[in-house]
Structure formats: C-alpha cells, structure tokens
Amino acid sequence: MKLTSLTLAASLIGGAALAGEVAPKEVAYNEDGAIEASLTGVAGDAANGALIVGNKSKGNCVACHEITALADVPFHGEVGPMLDGAGERWSEAELRGLIANAKMTFEGTVMPAFYKVDGFIRPGDAYTGKAGQEPLPPILTAQEIEDVVAFLATLKE
C-alpha cells in the first residue's frame, strides 16, 4: 500500500510539474521581447545549460558566440556577440526571451528561435530537400531554455 501511495504521489507531483510548463504558443513576451515568468516553474540547472550551449546537436550556441567559460569546446563563432558577461548585460527575463525567440527583441537577427513551433520562413525536413511540416517541435524544451538561462546568468565579467 505504501509503494502504491508513493507511486501515486510521485506521478501527481510529476504531472503538476508538466502542467506548469508554458507551451511555445502560450509564451508571454513583454514589449521588449523578455519573458518575465519561468517557462517551467523549475529553477534552471547551470551545469546542464553549459552542456546545451556547447552541444552541437542541441543549442550549439558556440557556433555563433564565443564563451571563455567553454574554451574547451572547439570552434567558437564570431557571428553573435561574445557571451562573457551576459549575466550582467541582460536580466534572466531578457535572456529567456532572447533564447526562446530573439526576433521578439531584435527583429533582423539571424539567431534561431529555440522555443518556437510554427511561423517559420521555410525550414527544411532533414536532408530531403522538402519543407518541414508545421507544427515542428521546438529546438529546446522549456526546461532546457531555463537551464541555458541559468548558465548564461553565471557569466559575469
């Protein structure tokens, strides 16, 4: 009986965490493109955020940005601004908005929207040469966005 009660309690807690997640189409941006509220209600994990930022199959932020804290990750880009000091330049709300969809802040940016599922110009469908079918899954999950925000907030000069 105790095991069943614990299992039920754990599933209810897990379901409550998922119920608190904001879907990509439900994200509330302010007039400057920032997202004030957490997308998950769960604090981000800065260590996991660092992995996402340097992972070529996930965020791959280093493809465009240089980050001294991730000097061991090869091939940093110079397309976007250096992210050293990002935690001092931008608030967590601003960082969250920039990662979710930077075009809400900087209209002409080439930075991809990491938490968007539709309204794309013409995404490809892998290597088929055909357009992807919307809705597409977001590049990063809501919790991965929170993890990247937590990591970037640690970057102080």
C-alpha atoms as a PDB file:
ATOM      1  CA  MET A   1       0.000   0.000   0.000  1.00  0.00           C
ATOM      2  CA  LYS A   2       2.830   2.412   0.844  1.00  0.00           C
ATOM      3  CA  LEU A   3       4.528   1.758  -2.508  1.00  0.00           C
ATOM      4  CA  THR A   4       1.279   2.443  -4.370  1.00  0.00           C
ATOM      5  CA  SER A   5       0.775   5.662  -2.405  1.00  0.00           C
ATOM      6  CA  LEU A   6       4.338   6.774  -3.131  1.00  0.00           C
ATOM      7  CA  THR A   7       3.959   5.951  -6.811  1.00  0.00           C
ATOM      8  CA  LEU A   8       0.687   7.867  -6.995  1.00  0.00           C
ATOM      9  CA  ALA A   9       2.199  10.833  -5.144  1.00  0.00           C
ATOM     10  CA  ALA A  10       5.253  10.851  -7.430  1.00  0.00           C
ATOM     11  CA  SER A  11       3.097  10.736 -10.554  1.00  0.00           C
ATOM     12  CA  LEU A  12       0.922  13.565  -9.260  1.00  0.00           C
ATOM     13  CA  ILE A  13       3.985  15.683  -8.486  1.00  0.00           C
ATOM     14  CA  GLY A  14       5.469  14.901 -11.903  1.00  0.00           C
ATOM     15  CA  GLY A  15       2.175  15.754 -13.590  1.00  0.00           C
ATOM     16  CA  ALA A  16       1.978  19.025 -11.708  1.00  0.00           C
ATOM     17  CA  ALA A  17       5.451  19.967 -12.953  1.00  0.00           C
ATOM     18  CA  LEU A  18       4.414  19.244 -16.531  1.00  0.00           C
ATOM     19  CA  ALA A  19       1.143  21.115 -16.082  1.00  0.00           C
ATOM     20  CA  GLY A  20       3.145  24.220 -15.117  1.00  0.00           C
ATOM     21  CA  GLU A  21       5.167  24.198 -18.348  1.00  0.00           C
ATOM     22  CA  VAL A  22       4.340  27.003 -20.773  1.00  0.00           C
ATOM     23  CA  ALA A  23       3.789  25.758 -24.333  1.00  0.00           C
ATOM     24  CA  PRO A  24       5.669  27.576 -27.118  1.00  0.00           C
ATOM     25  CA  LYS A  25       2.478  29.202 -28.452  1.00  0.00           C
ATOM     26  CA  GLU A  26       1.493  30.371 -24.942  1.00  0.00           C
ATOM     27  CA  VAL A  27       4.709  32.259 -24.110  1.00  0.00           C
ATOM     28  CA  ALA A  28       4.069  35.827 -22.933  1.00  0.00           C
ATOM     29  CA  TYR A  29       6.718  38.249 -24.207  1.00  0.00           C
ATOM     30  CA  ASN A  30       6.783  41.809 -22.899  1.00  0.00           C
ATOM     31  CA  GLU A  31       7.140  44.819 -25.226  1.00  0.00           C
ATOM     32  CA  ASP A  32      10.941  44.385 -25.265  1.00  0.00           C
ATOM     33  CA  GLY A  33      10.824  40.653 -26.019  1.00  0.00           C
ATOM     34  CA  ALA A  34      11.648  39.496 -22.493  1.00  0.00           C
ATOM     35  CA  ILE A  35       9.824  36.610 -20.805  1.00  0.00           C
ATOM     36  CA  GLU A  36       9.304  37.512 -17.153  1.00  0.00           C
ATOM     37  CA  ALA A  37       7.993  34.168 -15.878  1.00  0.00           C
ATOM     38  CA  SER A  38       9.835  30.864 -15.914  1.00  0.00           C
ATOM     39  CA  LEU A  39       8.692  28.523 -18.676  1.00  0.00           C
ATOM     40  CA  THR A  40       8.621  25.603 -16.230  1.00  0.00           C
ATOM     41  CA  GLY A  41       8.388  26.934 -12.693  1.00  0.00           C
ATOM     42  CA  VAL A  42      11.544  24.919 -12.005  1.00  0.00           C
ATOM     43  CA  ALA A  43      14.937  26.551 -11.494  1.00  0.00           C
ATOM     44  CA  GLY A  44      17.400  26.051 -14.303  1.00  0.00           C
ATOM     45  CA  ASP A  45      20.472  23.837 -13.923  1.00  0.00           C
ATOM     46  CA  ALA A  46      23.513  25.909 -14.940  1.00  0.00           C
ATOM     47  CA  ALA A  47      25.732  22.825 -15.419  1.00  0.00           C
ATOM     48  CA  ASN A  48      23.229  21.290 -17.838  1.00  0.00           C
ATOM     49  CA  GLY A  49      22.844  24.679 -19.517  1.00  0.00           C
ATOM     50  CA  ALA A  50      26.598  24.773 -20.208  1.00  0.00           C
ATOM     51  CA  LEU A  51      26.337  21.351 -21.854  1.00  0.00           C
ATOM     52  CA  ILE A  52      23.446  22.513 -24.050  1.00  0.00           C
ATOM     53  CA  VAL A  53      25.266  25.708 -25.065  1.00  0.00           C
ATOM     54  CA  GLY A  54      28.286  23.694 -26.248  1.00  0.00           C
ATOM     55  CA  ASN A  55      26.425  20.695 -27.681  1.00  0.00           C
ATOM     56  CA  LYS A  56      26.283  20.692 -31.480  1.00  0.00           C
ATOM     57  CA  SER A  57      23.068  18.634 -31.536  1.00  0.00           C
ATOM     58  CA  LYS A  58      21.242  20.881 -29.044  1.00  0.00           C
ATOM     59  CA  GLY A  59      21.733  24.612 -28.525  1.00  0.00           C
ATOM     60  CA  ASN A  60      25.112  24.877 -30.265  1.00  0.00           C
ATOM     61  CA  CYS A  61      25.382  28.492 -29.128  1.00  0.00           C
ATOM     62  CA  VAL A  62      29.165  28.352 -29.589  1.00  0.00           C
ATOM     63  CA  ALA A  63      28.669  28.058 -33.345  1.00  0.00           C
ATOM     64  CA  CYS A  64      27.903  31.799 -33.334  1.00  0.00           C
ATOM     65  CA  HIS A  65      29.073  33.049 -29.919  1.00  0.00           C
ATOM     66  CA  GLU A  66      32.399  32.993 -28.122  1.00  0.00           C
ATOM     67  CA  ILE A  67      32.264  31.971 -24.452  1.00  0.00           C
ATOM     68  CA  THR A  68      35.510  31.908 -22.472  1.00  0.00           C
ATOM     69  CA  ALA A  69      33.996  29.603 -19.829  1.00  0.00           C
ATOM     70  CA  LEU A  70      33.618  26.947 -22.560  1.00  0.00           C
ATOM     71  CA  ALA A  71      37.111  27.320 -24.026  1.00  0.00           C
ATOM     72  CA  ASP A  72      37.435  23.513 -24.176  1.00  0.00           C
ATOM     73  CA  VAL A  73      34.589  23.361 -26.733  1.00  0.00           C
ATOM     74  CA  PRO A  74      36.177  23.888 -30.176  1.00  0.00           C
ATOM     75  CA  PHE A  75      35.152  26.220 -32.998  1.00  0.00           C
ATOM     76  CA  HIS A  76      33.568  29.224 -31.324  1.00  0.00           C
ATOM     77  CA  GLY A  77      31.855  31.577 -33.745  1.00  0.00           C
ATOM     78  CA  GLU A  78      32.027  35.323 -34.167  1.00  0.00           C
ATOM     79  CA  VAL A  79      28.602  35.953 -35.734  1.00  0.00           C
ATOM     80  CA  GLY A  80      26.873  36.875 -32.476  1.00  0.00           C
ATOM     81  CA  PRO A  81      28.187  38.900 -29.551  1.00  0.00           C
ATOM     82  CA  MET A  82      30.639  37.386 -27.075  1.00  0.00           C
ATOM     83  CA  LEU A  83      28.621  35.970 -24.181  1.00  0.00           C
ATOM     84  CA  ASP A  84      31.169  36.681 -21.451  1.00  0.00           C
ATOM     85  CA  GLY A  85      29.343  38.999 -19.047  1.00  0.00           C
ATOM     86  CA  ALA A  86      25.896  38.032 -20.383  1.00  0.00           C
ATOM     87  CA  GLY A  87      24.652  37.657 -16.796  1.00  0.00           C
ATOM     88  CA  GLU A  88      25.456  41.313 -16.160  1.00  0.00           C
ATOM     89  CA  ARG A  89      24.257  42.716 -19.508  1.00  0.00           C
ATOM     90  CA  TRP A  90      20.847  41.037 -19.528  1.00  0.00           C
ATOM     91  CA  SER A  91      18.342  40.039 -16.855  1.00  0.00           C
ATOM     92  CA  GLU A  92      17.088  36.455 -16.649  1.00  0.00           C
ATOM     93  CA  ALA A  93      13.828  37.576 -18.289  1.00  0.00           C
ATOM     94  CA  GLU A  94      15.745  39.143 -21.175  1.00  0.00           C
ATOM     95  CA  LEU A  95      17.973  36.072 -21.559  1.00  0.00           C
ATOM     96  CA  ARG A  96      14.894  33.818 -21.566  1.00  0.00           C
ATOM     97  CA  GLY A  97      13.298  35.928 -24.304  1.00  0.00           C
ATOM     98  CA  LEU A  98      16.471  36.005 -26.395  1.00  0.00           C
ATOM     99  CA  ILE A  99      16.879  32.245 -26.257  1.00  0.00           C
ATOM    100  CA  ALA A 100      13.209  31.448 -26.837  1.00  0.00           C
ATOM    101  CA  ASN A 101      12.877  33.817 -29.800  1.00  0.00           C
ATOM    102  CA  ALA A 102      15.451  36.590 -30.260  1.00  0.00           C
ATOM    103  CA  LYS A 103      13.387  38.082 -33.094  1.00  0.00           C
ATOM    104  CA  MET A 104      10.954  39.387 -30.479  1.00  0.00           C
ATOM    105  CA  THR A 105      13.798  41.676 -29.286  1.00  0.00           C
ATOM    106  CA  PHE A 106      15.956  42.090 -32.400  1.00  0.00           C
ATOM    107  CA  GLU A 107      13.732  41.845 -35.471  1.00  0.00           C
ATOM    108  CA  GLY A 108      16.502  41.316 -38.028  1.00  0.00           C
ATOM    109  CA  THR A 109      18.617  38.869 -36.051  1.00  0.00           C
ATOM    110  CA  VAL A 110      19.851  35.641 -37.615  1.00  0.00           C
ATOM    111  CA  MET A 111      19.674  33.881 -34.247  1.00  0.00           C
ATOM    112  CA  PRO A 112      17.282  30.935 -34.417  1.00  0.00           C
ATOM    113  CA  ALA A 113      14.177  30.777 -32.246  1.00  0.00           C
ATOM    114  CA  PHE A 114      14.843  27.875 -29.881  1.00  0.00           C
ATOM    115  CA  TYR A 115      11.280  27.689 -28.477  1.00  0.00           C
ATOM    116  CA  LYS A 116       9.016  28.131 -31.470  1.00  0.00           C
ATOM    117  CA  VAL A 117       6.843  25.604 -33.326  1.00  0.00           C
ATOM    118  CA  ASP A 118       5.330  27.469 -36.282  1.00  0.00           C
ATOM    119  CA  GLY A 119       5.558  30.559 -38.443  1.00  0.00           C
ATOM    120  CA  PHE A 120       8.915  29.648 -39.956  1.00  0.00           C
ATOM    121  CA  ILE A 121      10.001  31.046 -43.321  1.00  0.00           C
ATOM    122  CA  ARG A 122      10.926  27.656 -44.790  1.00  0.00           C
ATOM    123  CA  PRO A 123      12.601  25.092 -42.548  1.00  0.00           C
ATOM    124  CA  GLY A 124      13.979  22.018 -44.254  1.00  0.00           C
ATOM    125  CA  ASP A 125      12.855  18.487 -43.463  1.00  0.00           C
ATOM    126  CA  ALA A 126      16.220  16.944 -42.555  1.00  0.00           C
ATOM    127  CA  TYR A 127      18.091  16.192 -45.780  1.00  0.00           C
ATOM    128  CA  THR A 128      15.112  15.572 -48.045  1.00  0.00           C
ATOM    129  CA  GLY A 129      15.106  18.950 -49.791  1.00  0.00           C
ATOM    130  CA  LYS A 130      11.443  19.360 -48.813  1.00  0.00           C
ATOM    131  CA  ALA A 131       9.892  21.898 -46.475  1.00  0.00           C
ATOM    132  CA  GLY A 132       9.199  20.739 -42.938  1.00  0.00           C
ATOM    133  CA  GLN A 133       5.608  20.218 -41.883  1.00  0.00           C
ATOM    134  CA  GLU A 134       4.378  22.501 -39.119  1.00  0.00           C
ATOM    135  CA  PRO A 135       3.983  22.387 -36.243  1.00  0.00           C
ATOM    136  CA  LEU A 136       7.616  21.485 -35.733  1.00  0.00           C
ATOM    137  CA  PRO A 137       8.968  20.603 -32.299  1.00  0.00           C
ATOM    138  CA  PRO A 138      10.951  23.368 -30.598  1.00  0.00           C
ATOM    139  CA  ILE A 139      14.735  23.048 -30.785  1.00  0.00           C
ATOM    140  CA  LEU A 140      14.983  23.174 -26.983  1.00  0.00           C
ATOM    141  CA  THR A 141      12.473  22.142 -24.347  1.00  0.00           C
ATOM    142  CA  ALA A 142      11.166  24.627 -21.806  1.00  0.00           C
ATOM    143  CA  GLN A 143      13.466  23.171 -19.133  1.00  0.00           C
ATOM    144  CA  GLU A 144      16.464  23.319 -21.462  1.00  0.00           C
ATOM    145  CA  ILE A 145      15.696  27.023 -22.014  1.00  0.00           C
ATOM    146  CA  GLU A 146      15.674  27.507 -18.231  1.00  0.00           C
ATOM    147  CA  ASP A 147      18.971  25.603 -17.943  1.00  0.00           C
ATOM    148  CA  VAL A 148      20.645  27.794 -20.586  1.00  0.00           C
ATOM    149  CA  VAL A 149      19.317  30.927 -18.851  1.00  0.00           C
ATOM    150  CA  ALA A 150      20.782  29.670 -15.558  1.00  0.00           C
ATOM    151  CA  PHE A 151      24.173  29.100 -17.215  1.00  0.00           C
ATOM    152  CA  LEU A 152      24.258  32.447 -19.010  1.00  0.00           C
ATOM    153  CA  ALA A 153      23.267  34.230 -15.785  1.00  0.00           C
ATOM    154  CA  THR A 154      26.507  32.893 -14.213  1.00  0.00           C
ATOM    155  CA  LEU A 155      28.654  34.599 -16.864  1.00  0.00           C
ATOM    156  CA  LYS A 156      29.869  37.720 -15.108  1.00  0.00           C
ATOM    157  CA  GLU A 157      32.858  39.856 -16.068  1.00  0.00           C
END
